Protein backbone atom coordinates (compact mmCIF):
# COMPACT_ATOMS: atom_id res chain seq x y z
CA MET A 1 4.58 -8.54 34.47
CA ALA A 2 5.53 -11.66 35.93
CA LYS A 3 3.64 -14.49 36.50
CA ILE A 4 5.09 -16.17 40.10
CA LEU A 5 3.82 -19.24 42.05
CA CYS A 6 4.32 -19.38 45.51
CA ILE A 7 3.75 -22.39 47.28
CA CYS A 8 3.29 -22.58 50.88
CA HIS A 9 2.87 -25.09 54.08
CA SER A 10 3.32 -24.46 57.62
CA THR A 11 3.36 -21.24 59.39
CA GLY A 12 6.13 -19.02 58.93
CA ASP A 13 6.60 -20.10 55.86
CA THR A 14 3.55 -19.02 54.54
CA GLN A 15 3.33 -15.41 56.60
CA ALA A 16 6.65 -14.89 54.47
CA LEU A 17 5.35 -15.99 51.37
CA LEU A 18 2.02 -13.93 52.09
CA LYS A 19 3.46 -10.65 52.93
CA THR A 20 6.27 -11.52 49.45
CA ALA A 21 3.49 -12.09 47.50
CA GLN A 22 1.56 -8.90 48.63
CA LEU A 23 4.88 -7.07 47.71
CA LEU A 24 4.81 -8.73 44.16
CA ARG A 25 1.23 -7.56 43.65
CA ASN A 26 1.64 -4.26 44.48
CA ARG A 27 4.46 -3.65 42.14
CA GLY A 28 2.46 -5.08 39.15
CA ASN A 29 2.81 -9.07 39.25
CA GLU A 30 0.86 -11.60 39.08
CA VAL A 31 1.01 -13.80 41.82
CA LEU A 32 -0.88 -17.07 42.51
CA LEU A 33 -0.76 -18.92 46.12
CA LEU A 34 -0.61 -22.50 46.12
CA PRO A 35 -1.14 -24.16 50.31
CA ILE A 36 -0.14 -27.62 50.65
CA GLY A 37 -0.40 -28.25 54.39
CA GLU A 38 -3.80 -27.52 56.65
CA PRO A 39 -1.46 -24.34 58.50
CA ALA A 40 -1.22 -22.67 55.07
CA TYR A 41 -4.77 -23.54 53.81
CA ARG A 42 -5.73 -21.70 56.86
CA ALA A 43 -3.44 -18.72 56.14
CA THR A 44 -4.24 -18.03 53.08
CA ALA A 45 -7.83 -18.74 52.96
CA ALA A 46 -8.53 -14.67 52.62
CA ASP A 47 -5.87 -14.10 49.92
CA THR A 48 -7.75 -13.76 46.60
CA GLY A 49 -4.96 -15.31 44.41
CA ARG A 50 -5.23 -18.88 46.55
CA ILE A 51 -5.13 -21.50 44.40
CA THR A 52 -6.14 -25.06 45.17
CA LEU A 53 -5.58 -28.45 42.71
CA PRO A 54 -8.33 -31.01 43.86
CA ASP A 55 -7.89 -33.04 40.97
CA ILE A 56 -3.82 -33.30 41.89
CA ILE A 57 -4.33 -33.15 45.67
CA ASP A 58 -6.85 -33.89 47.12
CA THR A 59 -5.80 -33.79 50.98
CA PHE A 60 -2.37 -32.50 52.12
CA PRO A 61 0.45 -35.43 51.52
CA VAL A 62 3.26 -35.99 52.58
CA THR A 63 4.71 -37.10 49.91
CA LEU A 64 3.12 -36.61 46.20
CA THR A 65 2.43 -40.08 44.40
CA ASP A 66 4.06 -40.44 40.95
CA THR A 67 0.35 -39.72 39.31
CA GLN A 68 0.17 -36.54 41.33
CA GLU A 69 3.83 -35.45 40.58
CA GLN A 70 2.67 -36.03 36.67
CA ALA A 71 -0.24 -34.23 37.56
CA PHE A 72 1.05 -31.30 38.58
CA HIS A 73 3.68 -31.00 35.96
CA ALA A 74 1.45 -31.07 33.35
CA TRP A 75 -1.00 -28.54 35.13
CA ALA A 76 2.01 -26.28 35.76
CA ALA A 77 3.63 -26.23 31.97
CA THR A 78 0.30 -24.80 30.75
CA GLN A 79 1.01 -21.53 33.34
CA ASP A 80 3.72 -19.82 32.05
CA PHE A 81 5.33 -19.13 34.92
CA SER A 82 8.61 -17.26 35.25
CA HIS A 83 9.30 -17.72 38.45
CA ALA A 84 8.41 -19.84 41.63
CA LEU A 85 9.31 -19.29 45.52
CA ILE A 86 8.78 -22.12 47.63
CA GLY A 87 8.58 -22.70 51.14
CA THR A 88 9.59 -25.62 53.75
CA PRO A 89 7.88 -27.38 55.39
CA SER A 90 8.11 -27.63 59.20
CA LEU A 91 7.34 -30.70 59.68
CA ASN A 92 10.81 -33.08 59.10
CA HIS A 93 9.29 -35.57 56.67
CA VAL A 94 7.14 -33.76 54.35
CA GLN A 95 8.61 -34.29 50.67
CA THR A 96 5.90 -32.61 48.65
CA ALA A 97 7.39 -28.93 48.29
CA PHE A 98 10.68 -30.52 47.35
CA GLN A 99 9.25 -32.59 44.56
CA MET A 100 7.43 -29.96 43.33
CA ALA A 101 10.49 -27.69 43.65
CA LYS A 102 12.17 -30.45 41.11
CA VAL A 103 9.13 -30.50 38.87
CA LEU A 104 9.47 -26.77 37.97
CA THR A 105 13.23 -26.86 37.72
CA THR A 106 12.03 -28.90 34.43
CA LEU A 107 10.23 -25.73 33.15
CA LEU A 108 12.09 -23.02 34.45
CA ALA A 109 14.87 -20.85 33.64
CA PRO A 110 17.96 -22.30 36.32
CA GLN A 111 17.66 -20.36 39.44
CA ALA A 112 14.00 -18.88 38.74
CA VAL A 113 12.93 -21.81 41.30
CA SER A 114 14.04 -20.60 44.93
CA ILE A 115 13.25 -22.59 48.16
CA TYR A 116 13.21 -20.08 51.56
CA ASN A 117 14.13 -22.25 54.37
CA ASP A 118 12.85 -20.45 57.27
CA TYR A 119 14.65 -22.47 60.29
CA LEU A 120 16.92 -20.26 62.64
CA TYR A 121 18.52 -23.27 63.96
CA GLU A 122 19.77 -26.70 62.43
CA GLU A 123 17.83 -29.91 62.43
CA PRO A 124 19.64 -32.53 61.03
CA ALA A 125 16.39 -35.02 60.43
CA HIS A 126 15.03 -32.97 58.23
CA THR A 127 13.90 -33.73 54.94
CA TYR A 128 15.75 -30.23 54.04
CA TRP A 129 19.03 -31.44 55.34
CA GLN A 130 18.81 -35.11 54.31
CA SER A 131 18.67 -34.68 50.60
CA LEU A 132 21.13 -31.93 51.01
CA ARG A 133 23.88 -33.79 52.48
CA THR A 134 23.11 -37.38 51.69
CA SER A 135 21.43 -37.48 48.28
CA LEU A 136 22.96 -34.15 46.63
CA GLN A 137 21.05 -34.61 42.52
CA PRO A 138 21.34 -32.23 40.13
CA TRP A 139 17.81 -30.53 40.45
CA HIS A 140 19.43 -29.09 43.32
CA HIS A 141 21.71 -26.94 41.36
CA GLN A 142 19.12 -25.16 39.53
CA VAL A 143 17.72 -23.69 42.58
CA GLN A 144 18.25 -20.91 44.42
CA TRP A 145 18.96 -21.44 48.27
CA LEU A 146 17.42 -18.56 50.42
CA THR A 147 18.38 -18.59 53.84
CA SER A 148 17.50 -16.75 56.62
CA LEU A 149 20.55 -16.44 58.75
CA PRO A 150 24.16 -16.44 57.11
CA ALA A 151 25.58 -19.33 58.99
CA MET A 152 22.50 -21.58 57.71
CA GLN A 153 24.18 -20.33 54.03
CA ARG A 154 27.62 -21.36 55.03
CA ALA A 155 25.44 -24.55 56.11
CA LEU A 156 25.13 -25.72 53.16
CA PRO A 157 26.87 -27.86 50.84
CA GLU A 158 29.42 -25.70 49.01
CA THR A 159 28.12 -26.63 45.32
CA LEU A 160 25.16 -24.89 46.09
CA GLN A 161 26.14 -21.65 48.05
CA ALA A 162 26.74 -19.94 44.92
CA HIS A 163 23.37 -20.07 44.14
CA SER A 164 22.24 -19.09 47.98
CA GLN A 165 21.24 -15.94 49.22
CA THR A 166 20.36 -14.60 53.12
CA VAL A 167 17.24 -12.77 52.93
CA GLY A 168 16.70 -12.88 57.05
CA HIS A 169 13.16 -13.50 59.01
CA LEU A 170 10.33 -12.22 60.11
CA ASN A 171 11.46 -12.35 63.51
CA ILE A 172 14.10 -10.13 62.54
CA ASP A 173 11.42 -7.59 61.32
CA GLY A 174 9.42 -7.68 64.37
CA ALA A 175 12.50 -7.43 66.63
CA THR A 176 13.80 -4.57 65.09
CA THR A 177 10.45 -2.54 66.61
CA SER A 178 10.35 -1.91 69.79
CA PRO A 179 6.71 -3.27 70.58
CA ASN A 180 3.81 -1.14 70.64
CA LEU A 181 3.15 -0.09 74.27
CA ALA A 182 -0.16 0.01 74.36
CA THR A 183 -0.30 -3.61 72.54
CA VAL A 184 1.65 -4.78 75.06
CA THR A 185 -0.61 -3.63 77.69
CA GLU A 186 -3.26 -4.54 75.87
CA THR A 187 -2.12 -8.44 75.67
CA ARG A 188 -0.97 -8.62 79.21
CA GLN A 189 -4.30 -7.89 80.35
CA ALA A 190 -5.88 -10.55 77.45
CA LEU A 191 -3.31 -12.97 79.50
CA ALA A 192 -4.77 -11.92 82.55
CA VAL A 193 -1.41 -10.99 84.05
CA PRO A 194 -1.50 -8.69 87.17
CA ASP A 195 0.27 -5.49 86.96
CA THR A 196 2.87 -7.05 90.09
CA HIS A 197 3.73 -10.68 87.86
CA GLN A 198 6.55 -10.93 85.51
CA LEU A 199 5.14 -12.93 82.23
CA LEU A 200 6.64 -16.07 81.31
CA PHE A 201 5.52 -17.40 78.03
CA ILE A 202 6.16 -21.16 77.27
CA SER A 203 5.33 -22.01 73.36
CA GLY A 204 3.92 -25.33 73.19
CA SER A 205 5.66 -27.65 70.73
CA LYS A 206 3.96 -31.06 68.99
CA ASN A 207 5.75 -33.08 71.44
CA ALA A 208 4.40 -33.23 74.82
CA ALA A 209 7.13 -35.63 76.39
CA GLU A 210 9.39 -32.50 75.59
CA ASP A 211 7.29 -30.19 76.41
CA ALA A 212 6.62 -31.74 80.09
CA ALA A 213 10.21 -32.03 79.98
CA LEU A 214 10.67 -28.27 79.91
CA LEU A 215 7.97 -27.42 81.76
CA GLU A 216 9.16 -29.98 84.82
CA ALA A 217 12.44 -28.05 84.49
CA VAL A 218 10.99 -24.67 85.04
CA ALA A 219 9.25 -25.68 87.81
CA GLN A 220 11.95 -27.14 89.66
CA ALA A 221 14.02 -23.79 88.94
CA ILE A 222 10.89 -21.85 90.90
CA ALA A 223 10.89 -24.38 93.66
CA ALA A 224 14.80 -23.98 94.02
CA ASN A 225 14.88 -19.71 94.07
CA SER A 226 12.62 -18.77 96.69
CA THR A 227 13.82 -15.12 95.80
CA LEU A 228 12.03 -15.25 92.30
CA PRO A 229 9.82 -12.18 91.57
CA PRO A 230 6.28 -13.28 91.19
CA LEU A 231 5.45 -15.16 88.22
CA ALA A 232 2.27 -15.41 85.87
CA ILE A 233 3.09 -18.64 83.82
CA ARG A 234 1.03 -18.63 79.99
CA LEU A 235 1.36 -22.14 78.09
CA GLY A 236 0.57 -21.62 74.52
CA LEU A 237 -1.10 -24.52 72.71
CA HIS A 238 0.21 -25.65 69.47
CA PRO A 239 -2.82 -25.85 66.49
CA GLY A 240 -1.05 -28.33 64.93
CA THR A 241 -0.52 -31.07 67.37
CA ALA A 242 -2.21 -34.15 66.48
CA ASP A 243 -4.02 -34.98 70.24
CA LEU A 244 -4.43 -32.10 72.08
CA PRO A 245 -6.32 -33.64 74.99
CA GLY A 246 -3.57 -35.77 75.40
CA TYR A 247 -0.55 -33.46 75.32
CA VAL A 248 -2.60 -30.97 77.91
CA ALA A 249 -2.74 -33.95 80.04
CA ALA A 250 0.96 -34.53 79.95
CA MET A 251 1.48 -31.13 80.86
CA ASN A 252 -1.15 -30.99 83.52
CA ALA A 253 0.23 -33.80 85.51
CA VAL A 254 3.55 -31.69 85.85
CA ILE A 255 1.33 -28.73 87.07
CA ASP A 256 -0.06 -31.04 89.45
CA ARG A 257 2.72 -32.19 91.11
CA HIS A 258 4.15 -28.38 91.54
CA PRO A 259 2.78 -26.28 93.85
CA CYS A 260 4.52 -23.60 92.57
CA LEU A 261 2.89 -23.82 89.34
CA GLN A 262 -0.88 -24.15 90.36
CA ALA A 263 -1.90 -20.76 91.04
CA CYS A 264 0.18 -19.08 88.47
CA THR A 265 0.11 -21.07 85.23
CA ALA A 266 -2.74 -21.46 82.32
CA TRP A 267 -3.62 -22.37 79.13
CA LEU A 268 -4.24 -19.73 76.52
CA LEU A 269 -6.98 -21.13 74.67
CA PRO A 270 -8.40 -19.68 71.96
CA TYR A 271 -11.94 -20.37 70.59
CA LYS A 272 -11.15 -22.56 67.71
CA LEU A 273 -9.35 -25.42 69.79
CA ILE A 274 -12.14 -25.19 72.15
CA SER A 275 -14.28 -28.07 70.51
CA GLN A 276 -11.18 -30.31 70.47
CA PHE A 277 -11.78 -31.01 74.28
CA ARG A 278 -14.52 -33.11 75.42
CA GLU A 279 -14.01 -32.08 79.01
CA PRO A 280 -13.18 -28.64 80.65
CA LEU A 281 -10.05 -27.83 80.36
CA PRO A 282 -8.65 -26.62 83.99
CA HIS A 283 -6.22 -23.58 84.10
CA HIS A 284 -7.17 -22.15 80.86
CA ILE A 285 -8.07 -18.73 79.52
CA HIS A 286 -10.18 -17.83 76.65
CA CYS A 287 -8.13 -15.29 74.31
CA GLU A 288 -7.24 -14.93 70.73
CA VAL A 289 -3.69 -14.09 71.15
CA SER A 290 -1.30 -15.55 68.67
CA GLY A 291 1.97 -16.79 70.23
CA GLU A 292 3.55 -14.00 68.24
CA ALA A 293 1.74 -11.30 70.27
CA ALA A 294 2.54 -13.35 73.61
CA THR A 295 5.82 -13.22 73.43
CA ASP A 296 5.77 -9.28 72.24
CA ALA A 297 4.53 -9.10 76.13
CA ALA A 298 6.49 -11.57 77.96
CA ASP A 299 9.16 -10.55 80.06
CA TYR A 300 10.49 -14.61 79.74
CA VAL A 301 9.83 -17.07 77.04
CA ALA A 302 10.50 -20.61 76.71
CA SER A 303 10.58 -23.43 74.20
CA TYR A 304 12.00 -26.76 74.05
CA GLY A 305 14.23 -26.43 71.35
CA PRO A 306 15.37 -23.03 69.71
CA TYR A 307 12.06 -22.73 67.86
CA SER A 308 10.96 -19.74 66.17
CA LEU A 309 9.55 -17.62 69.16
CA PHE A 310 12.41 -18.48 70.75
CA HIS A 311 14.21 -16.20 68.20
CA ARG A 312 12.10 -13.73 68.28
CA ALA A 313 12.48 -13.39 72.11
CA ALA A 314 16.68 -13.15 71.68
CA PHE A 315 16.38 -10.58 68.97
CA GLN A 316 14.51 -8.53 71.27
CA ARG A 317 17.43 -9.09 74.32
CA LYS A 318 14.77 -10.69 76.19
CA PRO A 319 16.32 -14.48 78.31
CA ALA A 320 14.88 -16.89 75.95
CA PHE A 321 15.09 -20.28 76.79
CA SER A 322 15.15 -23.68 75.18
CA LEU A 323 15.71 -27.08 77.37
CA ASP A 324 17.35 -29.26 74.33
CA THR A 325 21.29 -29.09 73.79
CA GLU A 326 21.29 -30.97 70.56
CA ARG A 327 19.89 -28.15 67.98
CA HIS A 328 21.71 -25.27 67.82
CA SER A 329 20.58 -21.95 66.35
CA PHE A 330 22.12 -20.29 63.50
CA ALA A 331 22.58 -16.90 65.03
CA GLU A 332 25.04 -15.80 68.37
CA LEU A 333 22.36 -14.28 70.81
CA SER A 334 23.19 -12.92 74.30
CA THR A 335 20.09 -13.49 75.99
CA ALA A 336 19.70 -17.63 74.51
CA ILE A 337 19.99 -19.58 77.60
CA VAL A 338 19.99 -23.23 77.10
CA GLY A 339 19.98 -26.10 79.42
CA ASP A 340 19.86 -23.78 82.80
CA ALA A 341 16.24 -22.98 83.53
CA GLU A 342 17.24 -21.63 87.25
CA ARG A 343 20.21 -18.86 85.29
CA PHE A 344 17.21 -18.34 82.93
CA LEU A 345 14.69 -16.97 85.87
CA THR A 346 17.28 -15.22 87.13
CA ALA A 347 18.45 -13.21 83.71
CA HIS A 348 17.58 -9.88 82.65
CA ARG A 349 16.47 -8.37 79.42
CA GLU A 350 19.07 -6.26 77.78
CA PRO A 351 18.26 -3.07 75.88
CA LEU A 352 16.71 -3.73 72.58
CA ARG A 353 19.15 -2.97 69.65
CA ALA A 354 18.48 -0.10 66.86
CA ALA A 355 17.31 -1.81 63.54
CA THR A 356 20.33 -1.01 62.36
CA ASP A 357 22.53 -2.42 65.02
CA LEU A 358 20.80 -6.04 64.66
CA ARG A 359 20.88 -6.73 61.21
CA SER A 360 24.44 -5.61 61.12
CA ALA A 361 25.11 -8.28 64.11
CA LEU A 362 23.07 -10.96 62.45
CA ASN A 363 24.46 -10.12 59.04
CA VAL A 364 21.48 -9.81 57.31
CA PRO A 365 20.07 -7.35 54.72
CA GLU A 366 18.65 -3.96 55.80
CA THR A 367 14.98 -5.03 54.09
CA SER A 368 12.36 -6.90 55.48
CA VAL A 369 12.49 -10.79 54.42
CA ALA A 370 9.57 -9.73 52.03
CA GLU A 371 11.50 -6.48 50.87
CA ALA A 372 14.53 -9.43 50.34
CA MET A 373 12.64 -11.19 48.29
CA VAL A 374 10.82 -9.45 46.08
CA ALA A 375 14.13 -7.42 45.07
CA MET A 376 16.13 -11.31 44.08
CA PHE A 377 13.23 -11.28 41.84
CA ALA A 378 14.02 -7.72 40.27
CA ARG A 379 17.45 -8.61 39.34
């Protein structure tokens, strides 16, 4: 039986590592989950193998101090881990996960420390790419680099590619089976989508200016085309947004400027976020619908950049829109539209591909991302 440490930070890497941890435990391994970011801390609350290190990390720091790094080393040295699996934070500037990886490479065998990057697009400003491309260090060569797509693997420095592997992504797993019709119907009812309307889901980020520009582009495209079918536009909130009221105010200013948005647009407000608003939130629906579920139920999906739910929609061959022309997906996506909102709103869904066809087209393993990572540990 192996003892494995899983370190997670953000939503995407945490969900992938939770599924991997469960499979590893089912096969008799001991797995400890260490959340080092607030999204991971919330998502792992029910996991019996979750640990916290209050004496080492009492908050969720962006960077470990020398004292914290030394304390983490001292703790890890007592644990007899055979492997460590570390998720890449979604925030560009977080160093903590990589500092812990460096520490663990001094304690574990070469390539026994794996770093999984669940990004589906290249983010040059991210610490991950900054460090690998501008300050490659000896410990980087002791790590197994796990990527979501082969193009991302090829984007790694050449000296690291021999120690890299493509394992896939949860959104690929979710796209290889058609969403359950009853579930989709239930979701659309929860989102108050009339039967006669098409659902456009806009996945929110933490950047109000970017998302306001996205909504403005969509509004102008709607106003320019009187032949569009009736739309129900639903806006998702990112739980990690520092100033939710300020974010919503910026978006509502766009709604207020465009009559074509006012009757058909509503915020999706989960109950856990209500307390962040001192005044009633206009244009809202109280519901507990995840972004993934909203994407699965939508006819169109938009986000400012080529983020996770943009890809989830495109993998399902739905029209997926990104306003960002700077960041590019690692995948070739036939229904993805960048920069042209008018073309996006007149696009149509293509037939869903069989699981084997999608995985073959993306050149990813035929198994789920969790199964691919478990197989890696079994080698």
